[in-house]
């Protein structure tokens, strides 16, 4: 007796999930896909050679591993954002040199820190907004640069 393979349901990516940022959201999507595929596989399997318990448990373990990895990824991302915010807040009152999004070099004291949902952490310096990753130099106070102090001593001599 010959069996003809039967195609299961076609899975497609919903457009609402294409732009998701959270690992847990992506894992949820993958979990739903996994359950759809598993259901299709069980429904369309060869009745003379059904899936073994070992294979089934292996697939469930893979799903749990995927969920754990997604949760870990979200936790690491939260920790990274917290660390960046802590670093930025420590820059308040310090002198920095950096480049704005428009490419302009700005030097001055950090007045405040802004958490912008679209642009991330921004430092306000002399009315300019600098992304935290665009900082090229950080000093405790104006004129604390060792080269500036050396040049000042040379001029005084």
N, C-alpha and C. Protein backbone atom coordinates (compact mmCIF):
# COMPACT_ATOMS: atom_id res chain seq x y z
N UNK A 1 0.84 -1.16 0.00
CA UNK A 1 0.00 0.00 0.00
C UNK A 1 0.90 1.24 0.00
N UNK A 2 0.60 2.17 -0.89
CA UNK A 2 1.39 3.40 -1.00
C UNK A 2 0.63 4.57 -0.39
N UNK A 3 1.37 5.41 0.27
CA UNK A 3 0.80 6.62 0.86
C UNK A 3 1.28 7.82 0.07
N UNK A 4 0.39 8.71 -0.16
CA UNK A 4 0.75 9.96 -0.83
C UNK A 4 0.93 11.03 0.23
N UNK A 5 2.07 11.73 0.20
CA UNK A 5 2.27 12.78 1.19
C UNK A 5 1.21 13.86 1.07
N UNK A 6 0.75 14.32 2.19
CA UNK A 6 -0.23 15.39 2.24
C UNK A 6 0.46 16.63 2.77
N UNK A 7 0.26 17.74 2.07
CA UNK A 7 0.87 19.00 2.53
C UNK A 7 0.08 19.55 3.71
N UNK A 8 0.82 20.04 4.70
CA UNK A 8 0.21 20.66 5.87
C UNK A 8 -0.12 22.10 5.57
N UNK A 9 -0.60 22.82 6.57
CA UNK A 9 -0.96 24.23 6.36
C UNK A 9 0.28 25.07 6.04
N UNK A 10 0.10 26.06 5.21
CA UNK A 10 1.18 26.97 4.86
C UNK A 10 1.30 28.03 5.95
N UNK A 11 2.53 28.25 6.41
CA UNK A 11 2.76 29.23 7.46
C UNK A 11 3.39 30.46 6.84
N UNK A 12 2.89 31.59 7.24
CA UNK A 12 3.47 32.84 6.75
C UNK A 12 3.69 33.77 7.93
N UNK A 13 4.59 34.71 7.73
CA UNK A 13 4.91 35.65 8.79
C UNK A 13 3.90 36.79 8.77
N UNK A 14 3.15 37.01 9.84
CA UNK A 14 2.23 38.14 9.86
C UNK A 14 3.01 39.45 9.78
N UNK A 15 2.50 40.37 9.01
CA UNK A 15 3.21 41.64 8.84
C UNK A 15 3.35 42.40 10.15
N UNK A 16 2.46 42.15 11.11
CA UNK A 16 2.55 42.86 12.39
C UNK A 16 3.75 42.42 13.21
N UNK A 17 4.33 41.25 12.92
CA UNK A 17 5.46 40.77 13.70
C UNK A 17 6.80 40.97 13.01
N UNK A 18 6.79 41.45 11.77
CA UNK A 18 8.05 41.64 11.06
C UNK A 18 8.94 42.66 11.74
N UNK A 19 8.37 43.66 12.38
CA UNK A 19 9.17 44.71 13.01
C UNK A 19 9.32 44.55 14.51
N UNK A 20 9.07 43.36 15.06
CA UNK A 20 9.16 43.22 16.51
C UNK A 20 10.61 43.28 16.95
N UNK A 21 10.83 43.89 18.11
CA UNK A 21 12.18 44.05 18.64
C UNK A 21 12.46 43.09 19.77
N UNK A 22 11.44 42.71 20.50
CA UNK A 22 11.63 41.91 21.71
C UNK A 22 11.84 40.44 21.35
N UNK A 23 12.83 39.83 22.00
CA UNK A 23 13.09 38.42 21.78
C UNK A 23 11.91 37.57 22.23
N UNK A 24 11.23 38.00 23.31
CA UNK A 24 10.09 37.22 23.77
C UNK A 24 8.94 37.29 22.77
N UNK A 25 8.79 38.42 22.08
CA UNK A 25 7.76 38.51 21.04
C UNK A 25 8.10 37.58 19.88
N UNK A 26 9.39 37.55 19.50
CA UNK A 26 9.80 36.65 18.42
C UNK A 26 9.64 35.20 18.85
N UNK A 27 9.94 34.89 20.11
CA UNK A 27 9.80 33.52 20.60
C UNK A 27 8.33 33.11 20.61
N UNK A 28 7.45 34.04 20.98
CA UNK A 28 6.02 33.74 20.97
C UNK A 28 5.57 33.39 19.57
N UNK A 29 6.03 34.17 18.60
CA UNK A 29 5.71 33.88 17.21
C UNK A 29 6.25 32.51 16.82
N UNK A 30 7.47 32.21 17.19
CA UNK A 30 8.06 30.92 16.88
C UNK A 30 7.34 29.78 17.59
N UNK A 31 6.88 30.04 18.81
CA UNK A 31 6.15 29.02 19.56
C UNK A 31 4.83 28.71 18.85
N UNK A 32 4.14 29.74 18.41
CA UNK A 32 2.88 29.52 17.69
C UNK A 32 3.13 28.75 16.41
N UNK A 33 4.17 29.14 15.66
CA UNK A 33 4.52 28.42 14.44
C UNK A 33 4.85 26.96 14.75
N UNK A 34 5.63 26.76 15.81
CA UNK A 34 6.01 25.40 16.19
C UNK A 34 4.78 24.55 16.47
N UNK A 35 3.84 25.10 17.23
CA UNK A 35 2.63 24.33 17.56
C UNK A 35 1.80 24.04 16.31
N UNK A 36 1.74 24.99 15.38
CA UNK A 36 1.01 24.75 14.12
C UNK A 36 1.68 23.63 13.33
N UNK A 37 3.01 23.68 13.26
CA UNK A 37 3.73 22.65 12.51
C UNK A 37 3.60 21.30 13.18
N UNK A 38 3.68 21.26 14.51
CA UNK A 38 3.55 20.00 15.23
C UNK A 38 2.16 19.40 15.01
N UNK A 39 1.15 20.25 15.08
CA UNK A 39 -0.23 19.77 14.84
C UNK A 39 -0.36 19.22 13.42
N UNK A 40 0.19 19.96 12.45
CA UNK A 40 0.14 19.49 11.06
C UNK A 40 0.90 18.18 10.90
N UNK A 41 2.05 18.07 11.57
CA UNK A 41 2.84 16.85 11.47
C UNK A 41 2.10 15.67 12.07
N UNK A 42 1.47 15.87 13.23
CA UNK A 42 0.73 14.77 13.87
C UNK A 42 -0.50 14.40 13.05
N UNK A 43 -1.15 15.40 12.47
CA UNK A 43 -2.35 15.14 11.68
C UNK A 43 -2.02 14.39 10.40
N UNK A 44 -0.88 14.72 9.79
CA UNK A 44 -0.55 14.18 8.47
C UNK A 44 0.51 13.09 8.51
N UNK A 45 0.83 12.57 9.69
CA UNK A 45 1.88 11.55 9.76
C UNK A 45 1.38 10.22 9.22
N UNK A 46 2.31 9.40 8.83
CA UNK A 46 2.01 8.05 8.34
C UNK A 46 1.50 7.22 9.52
N UNK A 47 0.27 6.72 9.46
CA UNK A 47 -0.27 5.97 10.60
C UNK A 47 0.50 4.68 10.89
N UNK A 48 1.23 4.16 9.88
CA UNK A 48 2.00 2.94 10.10
C UNK A 48 3.35 3.23 10.75
N UNK A 49 3.80 4.49 10.68
CA UNK A 49 5.07 4.88 11.29
C UNK A 49 4.88 6.21 12.03
N UNK A 50 4.14 6.20 13.13
CA UNK A 50 3.90 7.46 13.85
C UNK A 50 5.18 7.97 14.53
N UNK A 51 5.14 9.23 14.88
CA UNK A 51 6.28 9.86 15.57
C UNK A 51 6.49 9.16 16.91
N UNK A 52 7.74 8.89 17.22
CA UNK A 52 8.03 8.22 18.49
C UNK A 52 7.95 9.23 19.63
N UNK A 53 7.75 8.72 20.83
CA UNK A 53 7.72 9.59 22.01
C UNK A 53 9.03 10.35 22.16
N UNK A 54 10.13 9.69 21.82
CA UNK A 54 11.45 10.30 21.93
C UNK A 54 11.54 11.53 21.02
N UNK A 55 11.09 11.42 19.77
CA UNK A 55 11.12 12.55 18.84
C UNK A 55 10.21 13.68 19.34
N UNK A 56 9.05 13.31 19.83
CA UNK A 56 8.09 14.30 20.32
C UNK A 56 8.67 15.07 21.50
N UNK A 57 9.26 14.36 22.45
CA UNK A 57 9.85 15.02 23.62
C UNK A 57 11.05 15.88 23.21
N UNK A 58 11.79 15.42 22.22
CA UNK A 58 12.92 16.22 21.71
C UNK A 58 12.45 17.55 21.13
N UNK A 59 11.34 17.53 20.40
CA UNK A 59 10.80 18.76 19.84
C UNK A 59 10.29 19.69 20.93
N UNK A 60 9.65 19.13 21.95
CA UNK A 60 9.18 19.96 23.06
C UNK A 60 10.36 20.57 23.83
N UNK A 61 11.44 19.82 24.00
CA UNK A 61 12.63 20.34 24.67
C UNK A 61 13.24 21.48 23.86
N UNK A 62 13.23 21.34 22.55
CA UNK A 62 13.74 22.41 21.69
C UNK A 62 12.92 23.68 21.85
N UNK A 63 11.62 23.52 21.95
CA UNK A 63 10.74 24.67 22.14
C UNK A 63 11.03 25.36 23.47
N UNK A 64 11.21 24.59 24.53
CA UNK A 64 11.49 25.17 25.84
C UNK A 64 12.85 25.88 25.83
N UNK A 65 13.81 25.31 25.14
CA UNK A 65 15.13 25.94 25.02
C UNK A 65 15.01 27.27 24.29
N UNK A 66 14.19 27.33 23.26
CA UNK A 66 13.97 28.57 22.51
C UNK A 66 13.34 29.63 23.41
N UNK A 67 12.36 29.26 24.21
CA UNK A 67 11.71 30.20 25.12
C UNK A 67 12.69 30.72 26.17
N UNK A 68 13.53 29.83 26.71
CA UNK A 68 14.52 30.24 27.72
C UNK A 68 15.54 31.20 27.13
N UNK A 69 15.98 30.92 25.93
CA UNK A 69 16.94 31.80 25.26
C UNK A 69 16.34 33.17 25.01
N UNK A 70 15.08 33.21 24.62
CA UNK A 70 14.41 34.50 24.38
C UNK A 70 14.31 35.31 25.66
N UNK A 71 13.98 34.64 26.77
CA UNK A 71 13.88 35.34 28.06
C UNK A 71 15.25 35.85 28.49
N UNK A 72 16.28 35.07 28.28
CA UNK A 72 17.64 35.48 28.62
C UNK A 72 18.07 36.68 27.77
N UNK A 73 17.75 36.65 26.50
CA UNK A 73 18.08 37.76 25.60
C UNK A 73 17.39 39.05 26.05
N UNK A 74 16.13 38.96 26.43
CA UNK A 74 15.41 40.14 26.93
C UNK A 74 16.04 40.67 28.21
N UNK A 75 16.44 39.76 29.10
CA UNK A 75 17.08 40.18 30.35
C UNK A 75 18.41 40.89 30.10
N UNK A 76 19.19 40.37 29.20
CA UNK A 76 20.48 40.99 28.87
C UNK A 76 20.26 42.36 28.24
N UNK A 77 19.28 42.49 27.38
CA UNK A 77 18.99 43.78 26.75
C UNK A 77 18.54 44.80 27.79
N UNK A 78 17.73 44.40 28.75
CA UNK A 78 17.31 45.31 29.82
C UNK A 78 18.50 45.75 30.66
N UNK A 79 19.38 44.83 30.96
CA UNK A 79 20.58 45.14 31.73
C UNK A 79 21.48 46.12 30.97
N UNK A 80 21.62 45.92 29.67
CA UNK A 80 22.44 46.81 28.84
C UNK A 80 21.87 48.23 28.84
N UNK A 81 20.56 48.35 28.70
CA UNK A 81 19.93 49.67 28.71
C UNK A 81 20.10 50.36 30.07
N UNK A 82 19.95 49.60 31.15
CA UNK A 82 20.13 50.15 32.49
C UNK A 82 21.56 50.64 32.67
N UNK A 83 22.53 49.85 32.22
CA UNK A 83 23.94 50.22 32.35
C UNK A 83 24.24 51.48 31.54
N UNK A 84 23.68 51.59 30.34
CA UNK A 84 23.88 52.79 29.53
C UNK A 84 23.30 54.02 30.22
N UNK A 85 22.13 53.89 30.80
CA UNK A 85 21.50 55.02 31.49
C UNK A 85 22.32 55.42 32.71
N UNK A 86 22.84 54.45 33.44
CA UNK A 86 23.68 54.75 34.60
C UNK A 86 24.96 55.47 34.15
N UNK A 87 25.56 55.00 33.07
CA UNK A 87 26.77 55.65 32.55
C UNK A 87 26.47 57.08 32.11
N UNK A 88 25.34 57.26 31.43
CA UNK A 88 24.97 58.60 30.95
C UNK A 88 24.72 59.54 32.13
N UNK A 89 24.05 59.07 33.16
CA UNK A 89 23.76 59.95 34.30
C UNK A 89 25.04 60.35 35.02
N UNK A 90 26.05 59.51 35.00
CA UNK A 90 27.34 59.86 35.60
C UNK A 90 28.09 60.92 34.80
N UNK A 91 27.66 61.18 33.58
CA UNK A 91 28.31 62.19 32.75
C UNK A 91 27.78 63.60 33.00
N UNK A 92 26.67 63.72 33.73
CA UNK A 92 26.11 65.04 34.02
C UNK A 92 27.15 65.85 34.79
N UNK A 93 27.42 67.05 34.29
CA UNK A 93 28.41 67.92 34.92
C UNK A 93 29.82 67.71 34.41
N UNK A 94 30.03 66.69 33.58
CA UNK A 94 31.34 66.43 33.00
C UNK A 94 31.43 67.09 31.63
N UNK A 95 32.66 67.32 31.19
CA UNK A 95 32.87 67.92 29.87
C UNK A 95 33.13 66.81 28.86
N UNK A 96 32.43 66.91 27.73
CA UNK A 96 32.53 65.90 26.69
C UNK A 96 32.80 66.55 25.34
N UNK A 97 33.30 65.70 24.45
CA UNK A 97 33.41 66.09 23.04
C UNK A 97 32.78 64.95 22.27
N UNK A 98 31.87 65.31 21.35
CA UNK A 98 31.19 64.28 20.58
C UNK A 98 30.67 64.84 19.28
N UNK A 99 30.00 63.98 18.53
CA UNK A 99 29.49 64.33 17.21
C UNK A 99 27.98 64.15 17.20
N UNK A 100 27.27 65.20 16.77
CA UNK A 100 25.81 65.12 16.69
C UNK A 100 25.40 64.21 15.53
N UNK A 101 24.11 63.90 15.46
CA UNK A 101 23.59 63.07 14.37
C UNK A 101 23.80 63.76 13.02
N UNK A 102 23.91 65.08 13.04
CA UNK A 102 24.12 65.85 11.80
C UNK A 102 25.60 65.93 11.42
N UNK A 103 26.49 65.40 12.27
CA UNK A 103 27.92 65.40 11.98
C UNK A 103 28.68 66.58 12.56
N UNK A 104 28.04 67.41 13.36
CA UNK A 104 28.68 68.57 13.96
C UNK A 104 29.41 68.15 15.24
N UNK A 105 30.68 68.58 15.39
CA UNK A 105 31.43 68.30 16.61
C UNK A 105 31.02 69.30 17.68
N UNK A 106 30.70 68.79 18.86
CA UNK A 106 30.24 69.63 19.98
C UNK A 106 31.12 69.32 21.18
N UNK A 107 31.53 70.39 21.88
CA UNK A 107 32.30 70.25 23.12
C UNK A 107 31.62 71.09 24.19
N UNK A 108 31.49 70.54 25.38
CA UNK A 108 30.88 71.29 26.47
C UNK A 108 30.48 70.39 27.62
N UNK A 109 29.81 70.99 28.59
CA UNK A 109 29.38 70.26 29.77
C UNK A 109 28.02 69.58 29.53
N UNK A 110 27.90 68.35 30.00
CA UNK A 110 26.63 67.62 29.89
C UNK A 110 25.66 68.23 30.89
N UNK A 111 24.54 68.75 30.37
CA UNK A 111 23.55 69.42 31.20
C UNK A 111 22.49 68.46 31.71
N UNK A 112 22.09 67.53 30.86
CA UNK A 112 21.07 66.56 31.25
C UNK A 112 21.10 65.36 30.30
N UNK A 113 20.38 64.31 30.68
CA UNK A 113 20.29 63.08 29.91
C UNK A 113 18.83 62.88 29.52
N UNK A 114 18.61 62.53 28.27
CA UNK A 114 17.24 62.29 27.78
C UNK A 114 17.17 60.87 27.24
N UNK A 115 16.12 60.16 27.62
CA UNK A 115 15.87 58.82 27.09
C UNK A 115 14.79 58.95 26.03
N UNK A 116 15.21 58.93 24.78
CA UNK A 116 14.29 59.06 23.64
C UNK A 116 13.97 57.66 23.12
N UNK A 117 12.69 57.30 23.04
CA UNK A 117 12.33 55.94 22.60
C UNK A 117 12.84 55.60 21.19
N UNK A 118 12.95 56.60 20.33
CA UNK A 118 13.40 56.32 18.96
C UNK A 118 14.91 56.45 18.79
N UNK A 119 15.52 57.43 19.47
CA UNK A 119 16.95 57.69 19.28
C UNK A 119 17.82 57.15 20.40
N UNK A 120 17.23 56.60 21.43
CA UNK A 120 18.00 56.05 22.54
C UNK A 120 18.42 57.14 23.52
N UNK A 121 19.52 56.90 24.22
CA UNK A 121 19.99 57.84 25.24
C UNK A 121 20.74 58.98 24.58
N UNK A 122 20.30 60.21 24.91
CA UNK A 122 20.88 61.43 24.35
C UNK A 122 21.42 62.29 25.48
N UNK A 123 22.60 62.88 25.27
CA UNK A 123 23.18 63.82 26.23
C UNK A 123 22.96 65.22 25.68
N UNK A 124 22.48 66.13 26.52
CA UNK A 124 22.30 67.52 26.11
C UNK A 124 23.55 68.31 26.49
N UNK A 125 24.20 68.88 25.48
CA UNK A 125 25.44 69.63 25.67
C UNK A 125 25.30 70.95 24.91
N UNK A 126 25.22 72.05 25.65
CA UNK A 126 25.13 73.36 25.01
C UNK A 126 24.00 73.48 24.02
N UNK A 127 22.85 72.91 24.33
CA UNK A 127 21.70 72.99 23.43
C UNK A 127 21.72 71.97 22.30
N UNK A 128 22.75 71.15 22.25
CA UNK A 128 22.86 70.10 21.21
C UNK A 128 22.59 68.74 21.84
N UNK A 129 22.02 67.87 21.05
CA UNK A 129 21.73 66.51 21.49
C UNK A 129 22.79 65.57 20.93
N UNK A 130 23.48 64.86 21.82
CA UNK A 130 24.51 63.90 21.41
C UNK A 130 24.11 62.49 21.80
N UNK A 131 24.09 61.56 20.84
CA UNK A 131 23.86 60.16 21.21
C UNK A 131 25.01 59.69 22.10
N UNK A 132 24.70 58.87 23.10
CA UNK A 132 25.74 58.44 24.04
C UNK A 132 26.88 57.72 23.34
N UNK A 133 26.59 57.01 22.27
CA UNK A 133 27.67 56.29 21.58
C UNK A 133 28.48 57.19 20.65
N UNK A 134 28.15 58.50 20.59
CA UNK A 134 28.89 59.44 19.75
C UNK A 134 29.89 60.25 20.57
N UNK A 135 30.02 59.94 21.86
CA UNK A 135 30.96 60.66 22.71
C UNK A 135 32.38 60.17 22.38
N UNK A 136 33.27 61.13 22.10
CA UNK A 136 34.65 60.78 21.74
C UNK A 136 35.64 61.08 22.86
N UNK A 137 35.23 61.95 23.81
CA UNK A 137 36.12 62.32 24.91
C UNK A 137 35.28 62.72 26.11
N UNK A 138 35.76 62.38 27.29
CA UNK A 138 35.08 62.71 28.53
C UNK A 138 36.13 63.22 29.51
N UNK A 139 35.88 64.40 30.11
CA UNK A 139 36.79 64.99 31.09
C UNK A 139 36.01 65.39 32.32
N UNK A 140 36.70 65.40 33.47
CA UNK A 140 36.05 65.75 34.73
C UNK A 140 35.67 67.23 34.76
N UNK A 141 36.53 68.09 34.21
CA UNK A 141 36.22 69.51 34.21
C UNK A 141 36.95 70.17 33.04
N UNK A 142 36.50 71.33 32.69
CA UNK A 142 37.12 72.04 31.58
C UNK A 142 38.56 72.35 31.93
N UNK A 143 39.46 72.11 31.00
CA UNK A 143 40.87 72.37 31.22
C UNK A 143 41.59 71.26 31.96
N UNK A 144 40.91 70.12 32.20
CA UNK A 144 41.56 69.04 32.93
C UNK A 144 42.34 68.12 32.00
N UNK A 145 42.34 68.45 30.73
CA UNK A 145 43.10 67.66 29.76
C UNK A 145 44.59 67.85 30.03
N UNK A 146 45.37 66.77 30.21
CA UNK A 146 46.80 66.90 30.53
C UNK A 146 47.57 67.69 29.47
N UNK A 147 47.20 67.56 28.21
CA UNK A 147 47.89 68.30 27.14
C UNK A 147 47.63 69.79 27.32
N UNK A 148 46.36 70.18 27.63
CA UNK A 148 46.03 71.59 27.85
C UNK A 148 46.84 72.14 29.02
N UNK A 149 46.93 71.38 30.10
CA UNK A 149 47.69 71.85 31.27
C UNK A 149 49.17 72.02 30.93
N UNK A 150 49.73 71.10 30.15
CA UNK A 150 51.14 71.20 29.75
C UNK A 150 51.36 72.44 28.88
N UNK A 151 50.43 72.67 27.93
CA UNK A 151 50.59 73.83 27.07
C UNK A 151 50.43 75.14 27.86
N UNK A 152 49.51 75.14 28.84
CA UNK A 152 49.35 76.33 29.68
C UNK A 152 50.62 76.63 30.46
N UNK A 153 51.29 75.60 30.97
CA UNK A 153 52.54 75.79 31.72
C UNK A 153 53.64 76.31 30.80
N UNK A 154 53.65 75.85 29.55
CA UNK A 154 54.65 76.30 28.61
C UNK A 154 54.47 77.80 28.30
N UNK A 155 53.17 78.23 28.20
CA UNK A 155 52.89 79.64 27.91
C UNK A 155 53.28 80.52 29.09
N UNK A 156 53.10 80.02 30.31
CA UNK A 156 53.43 80.79 31.51
C UNK A 156 54.93 80.94 31.69
N UNK A 157 55.71 80.01 31.18
CA UNK A 157 57.16 80.03 31.38
C UNK A 157 57.87 81.05 30.51
